[in-house]
Amino acid sequence: MLVLRMIRAVHRGLALGAVLALAGGVCSAQIPFFSPSNAAAKVTQLNGQVSVLKNSYPWTLNIGDFVQPQQMIFTGTDGYAVLQVSDGSTFEVFPNSKVVFRANPGNLRDLVDMILGRIRVHIEKLGGQPNPNSVKTPTAVISVRGTTFDVVVSEDDDSTLIAVTEGQVAVRHTLHPGNEKLLNAGEVLRVHKNEPLARRGVDRGLIADRLFRGLSDAIITIMRMPRTGGGSPGGGSGPTLPGDTQGNPPPPPPPPPPPPNN
C-alpha cells in the first residue's frame, strides 16, 4: 500500500513538472523581450546630432540602427531620437541629454538610466495587461505599468522632474528611502537630491499645464529642424556655423570699374 502511494506521488510530480515546463515555454513565447537577442532598441526617428558610445568612441546614429544594452546615448543641441524596443514601447531622447539604455542587462525591466537631459517614455501594455518597466535618475526611480510620461534631469542639482501624460507612475526617492508617490495623468512632481519625497507635493495646476505645453512645443520645434549628421565615428557633420560655407567656393569679386573718359 505504501509503495502504491509512492508511485502515485511520483506520477503526480511528473505531471506537475510537465505542466510547469509547458507553462514556462508559453510565458517565454508571450514575452519575447526577455530574450537577450531581443534586448536592443531600434532608432525609428532621428533629427540632428545623436550618438552612441561604443568602445569609448562616439558613433553617429542613423534611422534603422540598433542600440545595445549598457550603451550610452547622447544628443547635441539639435539632437532628437525615438527608439523602440521589442514589445513596442518607445522612448524619445531630447537635445543635450545623456542616457544609458538598459544599464542592468540582468533585468530588462530597467529600461533607461538617465544622467541628464529629457526623455519621454511610452510603455505599451501586453494584451491589455500591465507591462512593468522602470526609469532611473540620480534622485528617483519611476515605475510604470503602461503609460506615457516625461522625465527631466537638471544638470545643476541632479533634481528630477516627472510629468505624466497618460496612465499612472509610482515614484521613489533614490537616496531617501520611504513611501512612494503615485502620479496620474496631468500631474507633475519634482524630486530634489537632498529632500525626502514626503515633503514634495504633486502639482496639478497652472505649472503642470505650462510644462506640458512647453514639452509639446519642444517636440514640434525639433522635428522642424533640418536633418544633420553622418554615419561615421566622431559625431558627423553637425549644424552649420556662422561663416561656414559648407565647402562652396566664395563668390567672385565684382568687376573693376570702367576707365575714366578722357
C-alpha atoms as a PDB file:
ATOM      1  CA  MET A   1       0.000   0.000   0.000  1.00  0.00           C
ATOM      2  CA  LEU A   2       2.823   2.345   0.882  1.00  0.00           C
ATOM      3  CA  VAL A   3       4.597   1.536  -2.373  1.00  0.00           C
ATOM      4  CA  LEU A   4       1.409   2.275  -4.327  1.00  0.00           C
ATOM      5  CA  ARG A   5       1.094   5.692  -2.672  1.00  0.00           C
ATOM      6  CA  MET A   6       4.715   6.500  -3.518  1.00  0.00           C
ATOM      7  CA  ILE A   7       4.191   5.539  -7.164  1.00  0.00           C
ATOM      8  CA  ARG A   8       1.124   7.792  -7.350  1.00  0.00           C
ATOM      9  CA  ALA A   9       3.031  10.663  -5.761  1.00  0.00           C
ATOM     10  CA  VAL A  10       5.828  10.306  -8.327  1.00  0.00           C
ATOM     11  CA  HIS A  11       3.293  10.317 -11.169  1.00  0.00           C
ATOM     12  CA  ARG A  12       1.692  13.477  -9.779  1.00  0.00           C
ATOM     13  CA  GLY A  13       5.107  15.102  -9.524  1.00  0.00           C
ATOM     14  CA  LEU A  14       5.987  14.225 -13.103  1.00  0.00           C
ATOM     15  CA  ALA A  15       2.673  15.557 -14.356  1.00  0.00           C
ATOM     16  CA  LEU A  16       3.114  18.811 -12.425  1.00  0.00           C
ATOM     17  CA  GLY A  17       6.649  19.215 -13.778  1.00  0.00           C
ATOM     18  CA  ALA A  18       5.400  18.770 -17.334  1.00  0.00           C
ATOM     19  CA  VAL A  19       2.683  21.392 -16.791  1.00  0.00           C
ATOM     20  CA  LEU A  20       5.163  23.868 -15.324  1.00  0.00           C
ATOM     21  CA  ALA A  21       7.599  23.310 -18.167  1.00  0.00           C
ATOM     22  CA  LEU A  22       4.841  23.856 -20.704  1.00  0.00           C
ATOM     23  CA  ALA A  23       3.655  26.998 -18.905  1.00  0.00           C
ATOM     24  CA  GLY A  24       7.206  28.295 -18.797  1.00  0.00           C
ATOM     25  CA  GLY A  25       7.524  27.797 -22.557  1.00  0.00           C
ATOM     26  CA  VAL A  26       4.277  29.636 -23.199  1.00  0.00           C
ATOM     27  CA  CYS A  27       5.276  32.547 -20.970  1.00  0.00           C
ATOM     28  CA  SER A  28       8.617  32.851 -22.713  1.00  0.00           C
ATOM     29  CA  ALA A  29       6.891  32.912 -26.092  1.00  0.00           C
ATOM     30  CA  GLN A  30       4.437  35.568 -24.960  1.00  0.00           C
ATOM     31  CA  ILE A  31       7.190  37.824 -23.585  1.00  0.00           C
ATOM     32  CA  PRO A  32       9.895  37.841 -26.280  1.00  0.00           C
ATOM     33  CA  PHE A  33      11.591  40.985 -24.983  1.00  0.00           C
ATOM     34  CA  PHE A  34      13.080  38.955 -22.082  1.00  0.00           C
ATOM     35  CA  SER A  35      15.349  37.230 -24.577  1.00  0.00           C
ATOM     36  CA  PRO A  36      18.863  38.746 -24.750  1.00  0.00           C
ATOM     37  CA  SER A  37      18.698  38.539 -28.543  1.00  0.00           C
ATOM     38  CA  ASN A  38      15.732  40.937 -28.499  1.00  0.00           C
ATOM     39  CA  ALA A  39      17.167  43.313 -25.916  1.00  0.00           C
ATOM     40  CA  ALA A  40      18.316  46.040 -28.349  1.00  0.00           C
ATOM     41  CA  ALA A  41      16.453  49.259 -29.168  1.00  0.00           C
ATOM     42  CA  LYS A  42      15.943  50.382 -32.777  1.00  0.00           C
ATOM     43  CA  VAL A  43      16.178  54.010 -33.911  1.00  0.00           C
ATOM     44  CA  THR A  44      12.873  54.784 -35.666  1.00  0.00           C
ATOM     45  CA  GLN A  45      13.080  58.592 -35.863  1.00  0.00           C
ATOM     46  CA  LEU A  46      16.085  60.886 -35.694  1.00  0.00           C
ATOM     47  CA  ASN A  47      16.961  64.527 -36.168  1.00  0.00           C
ATOM     48  CA  GLY A  48      20.199  66.410 -35.578  1.00  0.00           C
ATOM     49  CA  GLN A  49      23.208  65.027 -33.758  1.00  0.00           C
ATOM     50  CA  VAL A  50      22.551  61.768 -31.868  1.00  0.00           C
ATOM     51  CA  SER A  51      25.430  59.417 -30.973  1.00  0.00           C
ATOM     52  CA  VAL A  52      26.100  56.218 -29.070  1.00  0.00           C
ATOM     53  CA  LEU A  53      29.271  55.409 -27.157  1.00  0.00           C
ATOM     54  CA  LYS A  54      30.999  52.275 -28.495  1.00  0.00           C
ATOM     55  CA  ASN A  55      34.363  51.223 -27.054  1.00  0.00           C
ATOM     56  CA  SER A  56      34.774  54.735 -25.599  1.00  0.00           C
ATOM     57  CA  TYR A  57      34.262  56.361 -29.022  1.00  0.00           C
ATOM     58  CA  PRO A  58      31.140  58.259 -30.163  1.00  0.00           C
ATOM     59  CA  TRP A  59      29.396  56.839 -33.226  1.00  0.00           C
ATOM     60  CA  THR A  60      26.691  58.780 -35.022  1.00  0.00           C
ATOM     61  CA  LEU A  61      23.316  57.037 -35.089  1.00  0.00           C
ATOM     62  CA  ASN A  62      21.038  56.827 -38.094  1.00  0.00           C
ATOM     63  CA  ILE A  63      17.483  55.624 -38.594  1.00  0.00           C
ATOM     64  CA  GLY A  64      17.429  51.824 -38.517  1.00  0.00           C
ATOM     65  CA  ASP A  65      20.469  51.468 -36.250  1.00  0.00           C
ATOM     66  CA  PHE A  66      20.323  49.404 -33.039  1.00  0.00           C
ATOM     67  CA  VAL A  67      21.462  50.416 -29.567  1.00  0.00           C
ATOM     68  CA  GLN A  68      22.583  47.561 -27.330  1.00  0.00           C
ATOM     69  CA  PRO A  69      22.140  47.243 -23.538  1.00  0.00           C
ATOM     70  CA  GLN A  70      24.632  49.244 -21.440  1.00  0.00           C
ATOM     71  CA  GLN A  71      25.369  51.672 -24.283  1.00  0.00           C
ATOM     72  CA  MET A  72      25.150  55.405 -23.632  1.00  0.00           C
ATOM     73  CA  ILE A  73      23.102  57.618 -25.952  1.00  0.00           C
ATOM     74  CA  PHE A  74      23.866  61.328 -26.028  1.00  0.00           C
ATOM     75  CA  THR A  75      22.466  64.191 -28.072  1.00  0.00           C
ATOM     76  CA  GLY A  76      23.775  67.540 -29.225  1.00  0.00           C
ATOM     77  CA  THR A  77      21.999  70.875 -29.084  1.00  0.00           C
ATOM     78  CA  ASP A  78      19.847  69.861 -32.080  1.00  0.00           C
ATOM     79  CA  GLY A  79      19.635  66.119 -31.353  1.00  0.00           C
ATOM     80  CA  TYR A  80      16.386  64.174 -31.058  1.00  0.00           C
ATOM     81  CA  ALA A  81      15.651  60.459 -31.497  1.00  0.00           C
ATOM     82  CA  VAL A  82      12.878  57.917 -30.965  1.00  0.00           C
ATOM     83  CA  LEU A  83      13.946  54.372 -30.063  1.00  0.00           C
ATOM     84  CA  GLN A  84      11.687  51.311 -29.934  1.00  0.00           C
ATOM     85  CA  VAL A  85      12.165  48.049 -28.027  1.00  0.00           C
ATOM     86  CA  SER A  86      10.796  44.641 -28.996  1.00  0.00           C
ATOM     87  CA  ASP A  87       7.485  44.925 -27.095  1.00  0.00           C
ATOM     88  CA  GLY A  88       6.583  48.131 -28.985  1.00  0.00           C
ATOM     89  CA  SER A  89       7.411  50.536 -26.156  1.00  0.00           C
ATOM     90  CA  THR A  90       9.349  53.670 -27.123  1.00  0.00           C
ATOM     91  CA  PHE A  91      11.477  56.355 -25.540  1.00  0.00           C
ATOM     92  CA  GLU A  92      12.347  59.740 -27.009  1.00  0.00           C
ATOM     93  CA  VAL A  93      15.662  61.459 -26.256  1.00  0.00           C
ATOM     94  CA  PHE A  94      15.724  65.255 -26.459  1.00  0.00           C
ATOM     95  CA  PRO A  95      18.608  67.730 -27.044  1.00  0.00           C
ATOM     96  CA  ASN A  96      21.526  67.929 -24.602  1.00  0.00           C
ATOM     97  CA  SER A  97      20.722  64.588 -22.957  1.00  0.00           C
ATOM     98  CA  LYS A  98      22.721  61.576 -21.763  1.00  0.00           C
ATOM     99  CA  VAL A  99      21.035  58.239 -21.027  1.00  0.00           C
ATOM    100  CA  VAL A 100      22.173  54.632 -20.649  1.00  0.00           C
ATOM    101  CA  PHE A 101      19.940  52.044 -22.282  1.00  0.00           C
ATOM    102  CA  ARG A 102      19.261  49.005 -20.063  1.00  0.00           C
ATOM    103  CA  ALA A 103      22.225  49.615 -17.763  1.00  0.00           C
ATOM    104  CA  ASN A 104      21.334  46.424 -15.878  1.00  0.00           C
ATOM    105  CA  PRO A 105      21.239  43.676 -18.542  1.00  0.00           C
ATOM    106  CA  GLY A 106      20.215  41.141 -15.921  1.00  0.00           C
ATOM    107  CA  ASN A 107      16.843  42.893 -15.591  1.00  0.00           C
ATOM    108  CA  LEU A 108      15.369  44.083 -18.882  1.00  0.00           C
ATOM    109  CA  ARG A 109      12.593  45.830 -16.934  1.00  0.00           C
ATOM    110  CA  ASP A 110      15.169  48.548 -16.188  1.00  0.00           C
ATOM    111  CA  LEU A 111      14.616  50.458 -19.413  1.00  0.00           C
ATOM    112  CA  VAL A 112      16.692  53.636 -19.108  1.00  0.00           C
ATOM    113  CA  ASP A 113      19.130  55.168 -16.638  1.00  0.00           C
ATOM    114  CA  MET A 114      19.173  58.938 -17.081  1.00  0.00           C
ATOM    115  CA  ILE A 115      22.255  61.038 -16.426  1.00  0.00           C
ATOM    116  CA  LEU A 116      20.909  64.397 -17.554  1.00  0.00           C
ATOM    117  CA  GLY A 117      18.508  65.959 -20.035  1.00  0.00           C
ATOM    118  CA  ARG A 118      14.983  64.983 -21.035  1.00  0.00           C
ATOM    119  CA  ILE A 119      13.243  61.853 -22.265  1.00  0.00           C
ATOM    120  CA  ARG A 120       9.654  60.854 -22.978  1.00  0.00           C
ATOM    121  CA  VAL A 121       8.665  57.232 -22.377  1.00  0.00           C
ATOM    122  CA  HIS A 122       5.654  55.359 -23.746  1.00  0.00           C
ATOM    123  CA  ILE A 123       5.155  51.838 -22.357  1.00  0.00           C
ATOM    124  CA  GLU A 124       2.895  49.527 -24.343  1.00  0.00           C
ATOM    125  CA  LYS A 125       0.580  47.212 -22.427  1.00  0.00           C
ATOM    126  CA  LEU A 126       0.804  43.488 -23.187  1.00  0.00           C
ATOM    127  CA  GLY A 127      -2.573  42.141 -24.234  1.00  0.00           C
ATOM    128  CA  GLY A 128      -4.218  44.873 -22.193  1.00  0.00           C
ATOM    129  CA  GLN A 129      -2.239  43.861 -19.101  1.00  0.00           C
ATOM    130  CA  PRO A 130       0.346  45.963 -17.201  1.00  0.00           C
ATOM    131  CA  ASN A 131       3.908  45.921 -18.555  1.00  0.00           C
ATOM    132  CA  PRO A 132       6.223  46.797 -15.628  1.00  0.00           C
ATOM    133  CA  ASN A 133       9.254  48.907 -16.536  1.00  0.00           C
ATOM    134  CA  SER A 134      11.381  51.420 -14.685  1.00  0.00           C
ATOM    135  CA  VAL A 135      13.366  54.562 -15.410  1.00  0.00           C
ATOM    136  CA  LYS A 136      16.145  55.581 -13.015  1.00  0.00           C
ATOM    137  CA  THR A 137      17.701  59.001 -12.428  1.00  0.00           C
ATOM    138  CA  PRO A 138      20.253  60.252  -9.877  1.00  0.00           C
ATOM    139  CA  THR A 139      17.397  61.062  -7.486  1.00  0.00           C
ATOM    140  CA  ALA A 140      14.349  58.970  -8.481  1.00  0.00           C
ATOM    141  CA  VAL A 141      13.119  55.555  -9.568  1.00  0.00           C
ATOM    142  CA  ILE A 142       9.975  55.762 -11.730  1.00  0.00           C
ATOM    143  CA  SER A 143       7.990  52.527 -12.017  1.00  0.00           C
ATOM    144  CA  VAL A 144       5.409  52.198 -14.794  1.00  0.00           C
ATOM    145  CA  ARG A 145       2.834  49.656 -15.909  1.00  0.00           C
ATOM    146  CA  GLY A 146       1.757  51.073 -19.270  1.00  0.00           C
ATOM    147  CA  THR A 147       1.715  54.819 -19.658  1.00  0.00           C
ATOM    148  CA  THR A 148       3.298  57.923 -21.211  1.00  0.00           C
ATOM    149  CA  PHE A 149       5.422  60.321 -19.196  1.00  0.00           C
ATOM    150  CA  ASP A 150       8.318  62.784 -19.409  1.00  0.00           C
ATOM    151  CA  VAL A 151      11.416  62.873 -17.227  1.00  0.00           C
ATOM    152  CA  VAL A 152      13.795  65.843 -16.962  1.00  0.00           C
ATOM    153  CA  VAL A 153      17.090  65.669 -15.025  1.00  0.00           C
ATOM    154  CA  SER A 154      18.696  69.003 -14.170  1.00  0.00           C
ATOM    155  CA  GLU A 155      22.420  69.360 -14.776  1.00  0.00           C
ATOM    156  CA  ASP A 156      22.735  71.910 -11.962  1.00  0.00           C
ATOM    157  CA  ASP A 157      21.426  69.966  -8.950  1.00  0.00           C
ATOM    158  CA  ASP A 158      20.501  66.440 -10.208  1.00  0.00           C
ATOM    159  CA  SER A 159      16.845  67.121  -9.429  1.00  0.00           C
ATOM    160  CA  THR A 160      14.285  65.088 -11.379  1.00  0.00           C
ATOM    161  CA  LEU A 161      11.003  66.340 -12.803  1.00  0.00           C
ATOM    162  CA  ILE A 162       8.338  63.785 -13.756  1.00  0.00           C
ATOM    163  CA  ALA A 163       5.272  64.744 -15.815  1.00  0.00           C
ATOM    164  CA  VAL A 164       2.611  62.128 -16.615  1.00  0.00           C
ATOM    165  CA  THR A 165       0.650  62.458 -19.865  1.00  0.00           C
ATOM    166  CA  GLU A 166      -1.485  59.330 -19.504  1.00  0.00           C
ATOM    167  CA  GLY A 167      -1.739  56.384 -17.136  1.00  0.00           C
ATOM    168  CA  GLN A 168      -0.018  56.258 -13.756  1.00  0.00           C
ATOM    169  CA  VAL A 169       3.544  56.024 -12.432  1.00  0.00           C
ATOM    170  CA  ALA A 170       4.980  55.329  -8.981  1.00  0.00           C
ATOM    171  CA  VAL A 171       7.973  57.412  -7.862  1.00  0.00           C
ATOM    172  CA  ARG A 172      10.531  56.522  -5.182  1.00  0.00           C
ATOM    173  CA  HIS A 173      13.481  58.570  -3.985  1.00  0.00           C
ATOM    174  CA  THR A 174      16.836  57.008  -4.830  1.00  0.00           C
ATOM    175  CA  LEU A 175      18.703  58.471  -1.850  1.00  0.00           C
ATOM    176  CA  HIS A 176      15.994  58.769   0.820  1.00  0.00           C
ATOM    177  CA  PRO A 177      14.027  55.528   1.356  1.00  0.00           C
ATOM    178  CA  GLY A 178      10.356  55.930   2.154  1.00  0.00           C
ATOM    179  CA  ASN A 179       6.887  55.612   0.742  1.00  0.00           C
ATOM    180  CA  GLU A 180       6.392  56.038  -2.995  1.00  0.00           C
ATOM    181  CA  LYS A 181       4.179  58.690  -4.575  1.00  0.00           C
ATOM    182  CA  LEU A 182       1.655  57.913  -7.297  1.00  0.00           C
ATOM    183  CA  LEU A 183       1.301  60.319 -10.217  1.00  0.00           C
ATOM    184  CA  ASN A 184      -1.701  60.285 -12.537  1.00  0.00           C
ATOM    185  CA  ALA A 185      -2.267  61.903 -15.942  1.00  0.00           C
ATOM    186  CA  GLY A 186      -1.779  65.672 -15.836  1.00  0.00           C
ATOM    187  CA  GLU A 187       0.307  65.621 -12.651  1.00  0.00           C
ATOM    188  CA  VAL A 188       3.896  66.789 -12.121  1.00  0.00           C
ATOM    189  CA  LEU A 189       6.407  66.045  -9.350  1.00  0.00           C
ATOM    190  CA  ARG A 190       9.924  67.396  -8.788  1.00  0.00           C
ATOM    191  CA  VAL A 191      12.347  65.261  -6.762  1.00  0.00           C
ATOM    192  CA  HIS A 192      15.262  67.084  -5.127  1.00  0.00           C
ATOM    193  CA  LYS A 193      18.531  65.398  -4.233  1.00  0.00           C
ATOM    194  CA  ASN A 194      18.649  66.342  -0.540  1.00  0.00           C
ATOM    195  CA  GLU A 195      14.950  66.408   0.239  1.00  0.00           C
ATOM    196  CA  PRO A 196      12.805  63.382   1.187  1.00  0.00           C
ATOM    197  CA  LEU A 197       9.970  62.620  -1.181  1.00  0.00           C
ATOM    198  CA  ALA A 198       7.326  63.008   1.536  1.00  0.00           C
ATOM    199  CA  ARG A 199       7.897  66.777   1.640  1.00  0.00           C
ATOM    200  CA  ARG A 200       7.175  67.261  -2.033  1.00  0.00           C
ATOM    201  CA  GLY A 201       3.662  67.955  -3.241  1.00  0.00           C
ATOM    202  CA  VAL A 202       2.190  66.831  -6.564  1.00  0.00           C
ATOM    203  CA  ASP A 203       1.392  69.731  -8.885  1.00  0.00           C
ATOM    204  CA  ARG A 204      -1.894  69.602 -10.777  1.00  0.00           C
ATOM    205  CA  GLY A 205      -2.403  73.254 -11.625  1.00  0.00           C
ATOM    206  CA  LEU A 206      -1.002  76.039 -13.776  1.00  0.00           C
ATOM    207  CA  ILE A 207       2.642  74.964 -13.527  1.00  0.00           C
ATOM    208  CA  ALA A 208       1.793  71.493 -14.807  1.00  0.00           C
ATOM    209  CA  ASP A 209      -0.241  72.918 -17.682  1.00  0.00           C
ATOM    210  CA  ARG A 210       2.605  75.210 -18.743  1.00  0.00           C
ATOM    211  CA  LEU A 211       5.094  72.357 -18.551  1.00  0.00           C
ATOM    212  CA  PHE A 212       3.044  70.079 -20.826  1.00  0.00           C
ATOM    213  CA  ARG A 213       2.623  72.881 -23.373  1.00  0.00           C
ATOM    214  CA  GLY A 214       6.370  73.544 -23.267  1.00  0.00           C
ATOM    215  CA  LEU A 215       7.196  69.880 -23.877  1.00  0.00           C
ATOM    216  CA  SER A 216       4.855  69.714 -26.870  1.00  0.00           C
ATOM    217  CA  ASP A 217       6.319  72.906 -28.345  1.00  0.00           C
ATOM    218  CA  ALA A 218       9.845  71.486 -27.934  1.00  0.00           C
ATOM    219  CA  ILE A 219       8.971  68.389 -29.977  1.00  0.00           C
ATOM    220  CA  ILE A 220       7.416  70.457 -32.777  1.00  0.00           C
ATOM    221  CA  THR A 221      10.467  72.754 -32.922  1.00  0.00           C
ATOM    222  CA  ILE A 222      12.924  69.819 -33.064  1.00  0.00           C
ATOM    223  CA  MET A 223      11.066  67.998 -35.843  1.00  0.00           C
ATOM    224  CA  ARG A 224      11.028  71.154 -37.982  1.00  0.00           C
ATOM    225  CA  MET A 225      14.808  71.481 -37.839  1.00  0.00           C
ATOM    226  CA  PRO A 226      16.813  70.255 -40.858  1.00  0.00           C
ATOM    227  CA  ARG A 227      18.319  66.772 -40.630  1.00  0.00           C
ATOM    228  CA  THR A 228      22.057  66.758 -39.849  1.00  0.00           C
ATOM    229  CA  GLY A 229      24.681  64.180 -39.018  1.00  0.00           C
ATOM    230  CA  GLY A 230      26.510  61.436 -40.857  1.00  0.00           C
ATOM    231  CA  GLY A 231      27.191  57.757 -40.364  1.00  0.00           C
ATOM    232  CA  SER A 232      30.773  57.658 -39.164  1.00  0.00           C
ATOM    233  CA  PRO A 233      32.508  57.790 -35.791  1.00  0.00           C
ATOM    234  CA  GLY A 234      33.166  61.164 -34.269  1.00  0.00           C
ATOM    235  CA  GLY A 235      29.772  62.790 -34.458  1.00  0.00           C
ATOM    236  CA  GLY A 236      29.042  63.625 -38.115  1.00  0.00           C
ATOM    237  CA  SER A 237      28.870  66.973 -39.794  1.00  0.00           C
ATOM    238  CA  GLY A 238      26.878  68.897 -37.177  1.00  0.00           C
ATOM    239  CA  PRO A 239      24.963  72.131 -37.666  1.00  0.00           C
ATOM    240  CA  THR A 240      26.112  74.962 -39.904  1.00  0.00           C
ATOM    241  CA  LEU A 241      28.177  77.541 -38.066  1.00  0.00           C
ATOM    242  CA  PRO A 242      28.288  81.290 -38.802  1.00  0.00           C
ATOM    243  CA  GLY A 243      30.631  81.897 -41.698  1.00  0.00           C
ATOM    244  CA  ASP A 244      30.659  78.213 -42.721  1.00  0.00           C
ATOM    245  CA  THR A 245      30.194  77.887 -46.495  1.00  0.00           C
ATOM    246  CA  GLN A 246      29.921  74.052 -46.367  1.00  0.00           C
ATOM    247  CA  GLY A 247      32.739  73.714 -48.889  1.00  0.00           C
ATOM    248  CA  ASN A 248      31.269  76.041 -51.571  1.00  0.00           C
ATOM    249  CA  PRO A 249      33.720  78.481 -53.161  1.00  0.00           C
ATOM    250  CA  PRO A 250      33.303  82.177 -52.323  1.00  0.00           C
ATOM    251  CA  PRO A 251      31.537  84.351 -54.897  1.00  0.00           C
ATOM    252  CA  PRO A 252      33.800  86.069 -57.486  1.00  0.00           C
ATOM    253  CA  PRO A 253      34.822  89.668 -56.772  1.00  0.00           C
ATOM    254  CA  PRO A 254      32.923  92.423 -58.576  1.00  0.00           C
ATOM    255  CA  PRO A 255      34.375  93.576 -61.910  1.00  0.00           C
ATOM    256  CA  PRO A 256      36.695  96.604 -61.816  1.00  0.00           C
ATOM    257  CA  PRO A 257      35.151  99.996 -62.602  1.00  0.00           C
ATOM    258  CA  PRO A 258      35.456 101.215 -66.220  1.00  0.00           C
ATOM    259  CA  PRO A 259      38.399 103.549 -67.031  1.00  0.00           C
ATOM    260  CA  PRO A 260      37.634 107.293 -66.851  1.00  0.00           C
ATOM    261  CA  ASN A 261      36.778 109.065 -70.126  1.00  0.00           C
ATOM    262  CA  ASN A 262      39.475 111.463 -71.398  1.00  0.00           C
END
